[in-house]
Amino acid sequence: MREFAINYLAIVAAVVVRMALGALWYSPLLFVRPWMETVGRTEAEIRAGLPRAVVSDAIGSFIMAFVLVQAVRYASAHTAILGAAVGFFNWLGFVAVVTINAVVHEGRPFRHFLINNGYQLISLLLMGAILGAWR
């Protein structure tokens, strides 16, 4: 496996962008209400679990950015567009495939897939763009 330098500031920026997007995506301005309907949770339940969810999301976002930077560098994606393309193919090949099966097997509405995967897709596109452009 090739070795290359990792820009940890780019990783932190990608994590911050992903978390900011998540805060907006799952807010009353966008999709929190339809998402709560698809998972059968109340606003009080969501608020109660928010601190744990933020910590979990921060850790998961860091892992995601760290793994994605490996794919971006391995693909020699050295621009924002090429980095976003790597993010797209990682979403398509790993995230979308796994989550569509979860929706099908759990019997959740397709709207659940669209809400969650819209967030995952956009966040991976943005993260890939940041990691591709910021070497």
N, C-alpha and C. Protein backbone atom coordinates (compact mmCIF):
# COMPACT_ATOMS: atom_id res chain seq x y z
N MET A 1 0.84 -1.17 0.00
CA MET A 1 0.00 0.00 0.00
C MET A 1 0.88 1.23 0.00
N ARG A 2 0.50 2.19 -0.80
CA ARG A 2 1.27 3.44 -0.87
C ARG A 2 1.11 4.23 0.41
N GLU A 3 2.17 4.90 0.79
CA GLU A 3 2.11 5.80 1.94
C GLU A 3 2.11 7.23 1.44
N PHE A 4 1.38 8.09 2.13
CA PHE A 4 1.33 9.50 1.77
C PHE A 4 1.00 10.30 3.01
N ALA A 5 1.36 11.56 2.95
CA ALA A 5 1.09 12.45 4.08
C ALA A 5 -0.41 12.73 4.16
N ILE A 6 -0.90 12.81 5.36
CA ILE A 6 -2.31 13.12 5.59
C ILE A 6 -2.41 14.50 6.20
N ASN A 7 -3.26 15.33 5.62
CA ASN A 7 -3.50 16.67 6.13
C ASN A 7 -4.64 16.59 7.15
N TYR A 8 -4.28 16.59 8.41
CA TYR A 8 -5.29 16.43 9.46
C TYR A 8 -6.19 17.66 9.58
N LEU A 9 -5.73 18.81 9.16
CA LEU A 9 -6.61 19.99 9.15
C LEU A 9 -7.72 19.80 8.12
N ALA A 10 -7.40 19.19 6.99
CA ALA A 10 -8.42 18.90 5.99
C ALA A 10 -9.43 17.89 6.54
N ILE A 11 -8.94 16.92 7.29
CA ILE A 11 -9.84 15.94 7.90
C ILE A 11 -10.78 16.62 8.90
N VAL A 12 -10.22 17.50 9.73
CA VAL A 12 -11.05 18.23 10.70
C VAL A 12 -12.07 19.10 9.97
N ALA A 13 -11.65 19.76 8.89
CA ALA A 13 -12.59 20.58 8.11
C ALA A 13 -13.70 19.72 7.54
N ALA A 14 -13.36 18.55 7.03
CA ALA A 14 -14.37 17.64 6.47
C ALA A 14 -15.35 17.19 7.56
N VAL A 15 -14.84 16.92 8.75
CA VAL A 15 -15.69 16.52 9.88
C VAL A 15 -16.64 17.66 10.25
N VAL A 16 -16.12 18.85 10.36
CA VAL A 16 -16.94 20.01 10.73
C VAL A 16 -18.04 20.25 9.68
N VAL A 17 -17.68 20.16 8.40
CA VAL A 17 -18.67 20.36 7.34
C VAL A 17 -19.74 19.28 7.41
N ARG A 18 -19.34 18.04 7.61
CA ARG A 18 -20.32 16.94 7.70
C ARG A 18 -21.27 17.15 8.88
N MET A 19 -20.72 17.54 10.02
CA MET A 19 -21.56 17.72 11.21
C MET A 19 -22.48 18.93 11.05
N ALA A 20 -21.98 19.99 10.43
CA ALA A 20 -22.83 21.17 10.19
C ALA A 20 -23.96 20.81 9.23
N LEU A 21 -23.63 20.06 8.18
CA LEU A 21 -24.66 19.63 7.25
C LEU A 21 -25.70 18.76 7.97
N GLY A 22 -25.24 17.86 8.83
CA GLY A 22 -26.16 17.00 9.58
C GLY A 22 -27.08 17.80 10.49
N ALA A 23 -26.52 18.83 11.14
CA ALA A 23 -27.33 19.68 12.01
C ALA A 23 -28.42 20.40 11.21
N LEU A 24 -28.08 20.83 10.01
CA LEU A 24 -29.06 21.49 9.15
C LEU A 24 -30.05 20.48 8.57
N TRP A 25 -29.54 19.36 8.07
CA TRP A 25 -30.36 18.35 7.41
C TRP A 25 -31.44 17.80 8.34
N TYR A 26 -31.04 17.51 9.57
CA TYR A 26 -31.98 16.94 10.54
C TYR A 26 -32.50 18.01 11.49
N SER A 27 -32.78 19.19 10.95
CA SER A 27 -33.35 20.29 11.73
C SER A 27 -34.79 20.52 11.28
N PRO A 28 -35.51 21.33 12.04
CA PRO A 28 -36.89 21.66 11.63
C PRO A 28 -36.96 22.37 10.27
N LEU A 29 -35.85 23.01 9.86
CA LEU A 29 -35.85 23.66 8.55
C LEU A 29 -35.93 22.67 7.40
N LEU A 30 -35.41 21.46 7.62
CA LEU A 30 -35.39 20.50 6.51
C LEU A 30 -36.15 19.22 6.86
N PHE A 31 -35.49 18.19 7.37
CA PHE A 31 -36.09 16.86 7.36
C PHE A 31 -36.32 16.20 8.71
N VAL A 32 -36.20 16.92 9.82
CA VAL A 32 -36.35 16.23 11.10
C VAL A 32 -37.75 15.65 11.29
N ARG A 33 -38.76 16.37 10.89
CA ARG A 33 -40.13 15.87 11.12
C ARG A 33 -40.43 14.61 10.29
N PRO A 34 -40.19 14.63 8.97
CA PRO A 34 -40.45 13.38 8.23
C PRO A 34 -39.53 12.23 8.68
N TRP A 35 -38.29 12.56 9.06
CA TRP A 35 -37.39 11.51 9.55
C TRP A 35 -37.93 10.90 10.84
N MET A 36 -38.41 11.75 11.78
CA MET A 36 -38.97 11.23 13.04
C MET A 36 -40.16 10.32 12.77
N GLU A 37 -40.96 10.65 11.76
CA GLU A 37 -42.10 9.80 11.40
C GLU A 37 -41.62 8.43 10.93
N THR A 38 -40.54 8.41 10.14
CA THR A 38 -40.08 7.12 9.59
C THR A 38 -39.43 6.23 10.65
N VAL A 39 -38.91 6.83 11.73
CA VAL A 39 -38.27 6.02 12.77
C VAL A 39 -39.16 5.86 14.00
N GLY A 40 -40.30 6.55 14.01
CA GLY A 40 -41.24 6.40 15.12
C GLY A 40 -40.74 6.97 16.43
N ARG A 41 -40.02 8.08 16.37
CA ARG A 41 -39.49 8.71 17.59
C ARG A 41 -40.13 10.07 17.78
N THR A 42 -40.21 10.50 19.03
CA THR A 42 -40.76 11.82 19.34
C THR A 42 -39.62 12.83 19.47
N GLU A 43 -40.00 14.08 19.46
CA GLU A 43 -39.01 15.15 19.62
C GLU A 43 -38.31 15.06 20.98
N ALA A 44 -39.06 14.70 22.01
CA ALA A 44 -38.46 14.56 23.35
C ALA A 44 -37.43 13.44 23.37
N GLU A 45 -37.72 12.33 22.72
CA GLU A 45 -36.76 11.23 22.65
C GLU A 45 -35.49 11.64 21.89
N ILE A 46 -35.68 12.38 20.82
CA ILE A 46 -34.54 12.85 20.02
C ILE A 46 -33.68 13.79 20.86
N ARG A 47 -34.31 14.72 21.54
CA ARG A 47 -33.55 15.68 22.37
C ARG A 47 -32.79 14.97 23.50
N ALA A 48 -33.41 13.98 24.08
CA ALA A 48 -32.77 13.25 25.19
C ALA A 48 -31.51 12.53 24.72
N GLY A 49 -31.52 12.03 23.52
CA GLY A 49 -30.37 11.29 23.00
C GLY A 49 -29.37 12.14 22.24
N LEU A 50 -29.63 13.45 22.15
CA LEU A 50 -28.79 14.32 21.33
C LEU A 50 -27.33 14.37 21.75
N PRO A 51 -27.01 14.51 23.04
CA PRO A 51 -25.58 14.55 23.40
C PRO A 51 -24.82 13.30 22.96
N ARG A 52 -25.41 12.15 23.19
CA ARG A 52 -24.77 10.90 22.78
C ARG A 52 -24.67 10.81 21.26
N ALA A 53 -25.68 11.28 20.56
CA ALA A 53 -25.69 11.25 19.10
C ALA A 53 -24.61 12.16 18.52
N VAL A 54 -24.40 13.33 19.13
CA VAL A 54 -23.37 14.26 18.64
C VAL A 54 -21.98 13.66 18.81
N VAL A 55 -21.72 13.05 19.95
CA VAL A 55 -20.41 12.42 20.19
C VAL A 55 -20.20 11.27 19.20
N SER A 56 -21.22 10.44 19.05
CA SER A 56 -21.13 9.32 18.12
C SER A 56 -20.90 9.81 16.69
N ASP A 57 -21.60 10.87 16.30
CA ASP A 57 -21.45 11.41 14.96
C ASP A 57 -20.06 12.00 14.75
N ALA A 58 -19.53 12.67 15.76
CA ALA A 58 -18.18 13.25 15.64
C ALA A 58 -17.14 12.15 15.44
N ILE A 59 -17.23 11.10 16.23
CA ILE A 59 -16.28 9.99 16.10
C ILE A 59 -16.45 9.30 14.74
N GLY A 60 -17.68 9.02 14.37
CA GLY A 60 -17.95 8.38 13.08
C GLY A 60 -17.52 9.24 11.91
N SER A 61 -17.74 10.54 12.02
CA SER A 61 -17.34 11.45 10.94
C SER A 61 -15.83 11.51 10.80
N PHE A 62 -15.12 11.46 11.92
CA PHE A 62 -13.65 11.45 11.85
C PHE A 62 -13.16 10.16 11.19
N ILE A 63 -13.73 9.04 11.57
CA ILE A 63 -13.34 7.76 10.95
C ILE A 63 -13.65 7.79 9.46
N MET A 64 -14.83 8.29 9.12
CA MET A 64 -15.22 8.37 7.72
C MET A 64 -14.25 9.25 6.93
N ALA A 65 -13.90 10.41 7.46
CA ALA A 65 -12.97 11.31 6.77
C ALA A 65 -11.59 10.68 6.65
N PHE A 66 -11.14 9.98 7.69
CA PHE A 66 -9.82 9.34 7.65
C PHE A 66 -9.77 8.25 6.59
N VAL A 67 -10.81 7.45 6.51
CA VAL A 67 -10.86 6.39 5.50
C VAL A 67 -11.02 7.00 4.10
N LEU A 68 -11.86 8.02 3.99
CA LEU A 68 -12.09 8.65 2.69
C LEU A 68 -10.82 9.31 2.16
N VAL A 69 -10.02 9.90 3.03
CA VAL A 69 -8.78 10.52 2.55
C VAL A 69 -7.85 9.45 1.98
N GLN A 70 -7.89 8.25 2.52
CA GLN A 70 -7.10 7.16 1.96
C GLN A 70 -7.56 6.86 0.53
N ALA A 71 -8.86 6.77 0.33
CA ALA A 71 -9.40 6.49 -1.00
C ALA A 71 -9.10 7.63 -1.97
N VAL A 72 -9.23 8.86 -1.49
CA VAL A 72 -8.94 10.02 -2.33
C VAL A 72 -7.49 10.02 -2.77
N ARG A 73 -6.59 9.78 -1.85
CA ARG A 73 -5.16 9.77 -2.18
C ARG A 73 -4.82 8.56 -3.06
N TYR A 74 -5.38 7.42 -2.76
CA TYR A 74 -5.10 6.22 -3.54
C TYR A 74 -5.57 6.40 -4.99
N ALA A 75 -6.68 7.12 -5.17
CA ALA A 75 -7.22 7.39 -6.51
C ALA A 75 -6.50 8.55 -7.19
N SER A 76 -5.55 9.17 -6.50
CA SER A 76 -4.84 10.35 -7.01
C SER A 76 -5.81 11.47 -7.37
N ALA A 77 -6.86 11.60 -6.58
CA ALA A 77 -7.84 12.67 -6.79
C ALA A 77 -7.28 13.95 -6.17
N HIS A 78 -6.80 14.84 -7.00
CA HIS A 78 -6.11 16.03 -6.51
C HIS A 78 -6.88 17.33 -6.78
N THR A 79 -8.16 17.21 -7.06
CA THR A 79 -9.02 18.38 -7.21
C THR A 79 -10.31 18.13 -6.44
N ALA A 80 -11.06 19.20 -6.24
CA ALA A 80 -12.34 19.06 -5.54
C ALA A 80 -13.29 18.15 -6.31
N ILE A 81 -13.33 18.28 -7.62
CA ILE A 81 -14.26 17.46 -8.42
C ILE A 81 -13.87 15.99 -8.37
N LEU A 82 -12.59 15.70 -8.49
CA LEU A 82 -12.16 14.30 -8.41
C LEU A 82 -12.38 13.74 -7.01
N GLY A 83 -12.14 14.55 -5.98
CA GLY A 83 -12.40 14.11 -4.61
C GLY A 83 -13.87 13.83 -4.39
N ALA A 84 -14.73 14.70 -4.95
CA ALA A 84 -16.18 14.48 -4.84
C ALA A 84 -16.58 13.20 -5.56
N ALA A 85 -15.94 12.91 -6.69
CA ALA A 85 -16.24 11.67 -7.42
C ALA A 85 -15.88 10.46 -6.57
N VAL A 86 -14.76 10.51 -5.87
CA VAL A 86 -14.39 9.41 -4.96
C VAL A 86 -15.44 9.29 -3.86
N GLY A 87 -15.87 10.42 -3.32
CA GLY A 87 -16.93 10.40 -2.31
C GLY A 87 -18.21 9.78 -2.85
N PHE A 88 -18.56 10.12 -4.09
CA PHE A 88 -19.77 9.56 -4.70
C PHE A 88 -19.68 8.04 -4.82
N PHE A 89 -18.57 7.55 -5.36
CA PHE A 89 -18.46 6.11 -5.56
C PHE A 89 -18.36 5.34 -4.25
N ASN A 90 -17.79 5.96 -3.22
CA ASN A 90 -17.81 5.32 -1.91
C ASN A 90 -19.22 5.27 -1.36
N TRP A 91 -19.99 6.35 -1.56
CA TRP A 91 -21.40 6.35 -1.14
C TRP A 91 -22.17 5.26 -1.88
N LEU A 92 -22.03 5.24 -3.20
CA LEU A 92 -22.78 4.30 -4.01
C LEU A 92 -22.43 2.85 -3.68
N GLY A 93 -21.14 2.56 -3.58
CA GLY A 93 -20.72 1.18 -3.38
C GLY A 93 -20.84 0.66 -1.97
N PHE A 94 -20.81 1.54 -1.00
CA PHE A 94 -20.84 1.08 0.39
C PHE A 94 -22.07 1.56 1.14
N VAL A 95 -22.32 2.84 1.18
CA VAL A 95 -23.41 3.38 1.99
C VAL A 95 -24.77 3.05 1.40
N ALA A 96 -24.98 3.37 0.12
CA ALA A 96 -26.30 3.16 -0.49
C ALA A 96 -26.69 1.68 -0.50
N VAL A 97 -25.74 0.83 -0.83
CA VAL A 97 -26.03 -0.61 -0.89
C VAL A 97 -26.43 -1.14 0.48
N VAL A 98 -25.70 -0.77 1.50
CA VAL A 98 -25.99 -1.27 2.85
C VAL A 98 -27.31 -0.70 3.36
N THR A 99 -27.53 0.59 3.15
CA THR A 99 -28.73 1.20 3.72
C THR A 99 -29.99 0.84 2.98
N ILE A 100 -29.93 0.58 1.67
CA ILE A 100 -31.15 0.16 0.98
C ILE A 100 -31.56 -1.21 1.47
N ASN A 101 -30.61 -2.08 1.74
CA ASN A 101 -30.95 -3.40 2.28
C ASN A 101 -31.53 -3.28 3.67
N ALA A 102 -31.00 -2.37 4.47
CA ALA A 102 -31.57 -2.17 5.82
C ALA A 102 -33.01 -1.69 5.73
N VAL A 103 -33.29 -0.79 4.82
CA VAL A 103 -34.65 -0.28 4.66
C VAL A 103 -35.58 -1.40 4.21
N VAL A 104 -35.11 -2.20 3.26
CA VAL A 104 -35.95 -3.30 2.75
C VAL A 104 -36.20 -4.33 3.85
N HIS A 105 -35.16 -4.73 4.55
CA HIS A 105 -35.31 -5.79 5.57
C HIS A 105 -36.03 -5.30 6.82
N GLU A 106 -35.89 -4.02 7.14
CA GLU A 106 -36.57 -3.50 8.33
C GLU A 106 -37.98 -3.02 8.02
N GLY A 107 -38.34 -2.98 6.75
CA GLY A 107 -39.68 -2.56 6.36
C GLY A 107 -39.92 -1.07 6.54
N ARG A 108 -38.86 -0.30 6.53
CA ARG A 108 -39.02 1.16 6.66
C ARG A 108 -39.47 1.74 5.32
N PRO A 109 -40.12 2.89 5.37
CA PRO A 109 -40.53 3.51 4.11
C PRO A 109 -39.32 3.96 3.29
N PHE A 110 -39.48 3.98 1.97
CA PHE A 110 -38.40 4.40 1.09
C PHE A 110 -37.99 5.85 1.39
N ARG A 111 -38.92 6.62 1.91
CA ARG A 111 -38.63 8.01 2.30
C ARG A 111 -37.50 8.04 3.33
N HIS A 112 -37.45 7.05 4.20
CA HIS A 112 -36.37 6.95 5.19
C HIS A 112 -35.02 6.83 4.48
N PHE A 113 -34.96 5.98 3.48
CA PHE A 113 -33.73 5.83 2.68
C PHE A 113 -33.36 7.16 2.03
N LEU A 114 -34.34 7.84 1.44
CA LEU A 114 -34.06 9.09 0.73
C LEU A 114 -33.54 10.17 1.68
N ILE A 115 -34.15 10.29 2.84
CA ILE A 115 -33.71 11.31 3.80
C ILE A 115 -32.29 11.01 4.27
N ASN A 116 -32.06 9.81 4.76
CA ASN A 116 -30.74 9.48 5.30
C ASN A 116 -29.67 9.47 4.21
N ASN A 117 -30.00 8.93 3.06
CA ASN A 117 -28.99 8.84 2.01
C ASN A 117 -28.75 10.15 1.30
N GLY A 118 -29.72 11.03 1.30
CA GLY A 118 -29.46 12.38 0.79
C GLY A 118 -28.37 13.04 1.62
N TYR A 119 -28.48 12.90 2.92
CA TYR A 119 -27.46 13.45 3.83
C TYR A 119 -26.11 12.77 3.61
N GLN A 120 -26.13 11.44 3.55
CA GLN A 120 -24.87 10.71 3.38
C GLN A 120 -24.20 11.06 2.05
N LEU A 121 -24.98 11.14 0.99
CA LEU A 121 -24.43 11.45 -0.32
C LEU A 121 -23.83 12.85 -0.34
N ILE A 122 -24.57 13.83 0.10
CA ILE A 122 -24.06 15.20 0.07
C ILE A 122 -22.85 15.34 0.97
N SER A 123 -22.88 14.71 2.14
CA SER A 123 -21.73 14.83 3.04
C SER A 123 -20.49 14.17 2.44
N LEU A 124 -20.63 13.02 1.78
CA LEU A 124 -19.47 12.38 1.16
C LEU A 124 -18.97 13.17 -0.05
N LEU A 125 -19.87 13.79 -0.79
CA LEU A 125 -19.44 14.66 -1.89
C LEU A 125 -18.62 15.83 -1.36
N LEU A 126 -19.13 16.48 -0.31
CA LEU A 126 -18.43 17.63 0.26
C LEU A 126 -17.11 17.22 0.90
N MET A 127 -17.14 16.14 1.66
CA MET A 127 -15.91 15.67 2.30
C MET A 127 -14.87 15.28 1.26
N GLY A 128 -15.28 14.57 0.22
CA GLY A 128 -14.37 14.20 -0.84
C GLY A 128 -13.78 15.41 -1.54
N ALA A 129 -14.62 16.42 -1.78
CA ALA A 129 -14.15 17.65 -2.42
C ALA A 129 -13.10 18.35 -1.54
N ILE A 130 -13.36 18.43 -0.25
CA ILE A 130 -12.41 19.07 0.67
C ILE A 130 -11.10 18.27 0.69
N LEU A 131 -11.21 16.97 0.81
CA LEU A 131 -10.00 16.13 0.93
C LEU A 131 -9.23 16.05 -0.38
N GLY A 132 -9.93 16.18 -1.51
CA GLY A 132 -9.25 16.19 -2.80
C GLY A 132 -8.54 17.50 -3.07
N ALA A 133 -9.18 18.59 -2.71
CA ALA A 133 -8.63 19.91 -3.01
C ALA A 133 -7.55 20.34 -2.02
N TRP A 134 -7.73 19.96 -0.76
CA TRP A 134 -6.84 20.45 0.30
C TRP A 134 -5.83 19.36 0.63
N ARG A 135 -4.71 19.46 0.04
CA ARG A 135 -3.67 18.44 0.23
C ARG A 135 -2.83 18.86 1.36
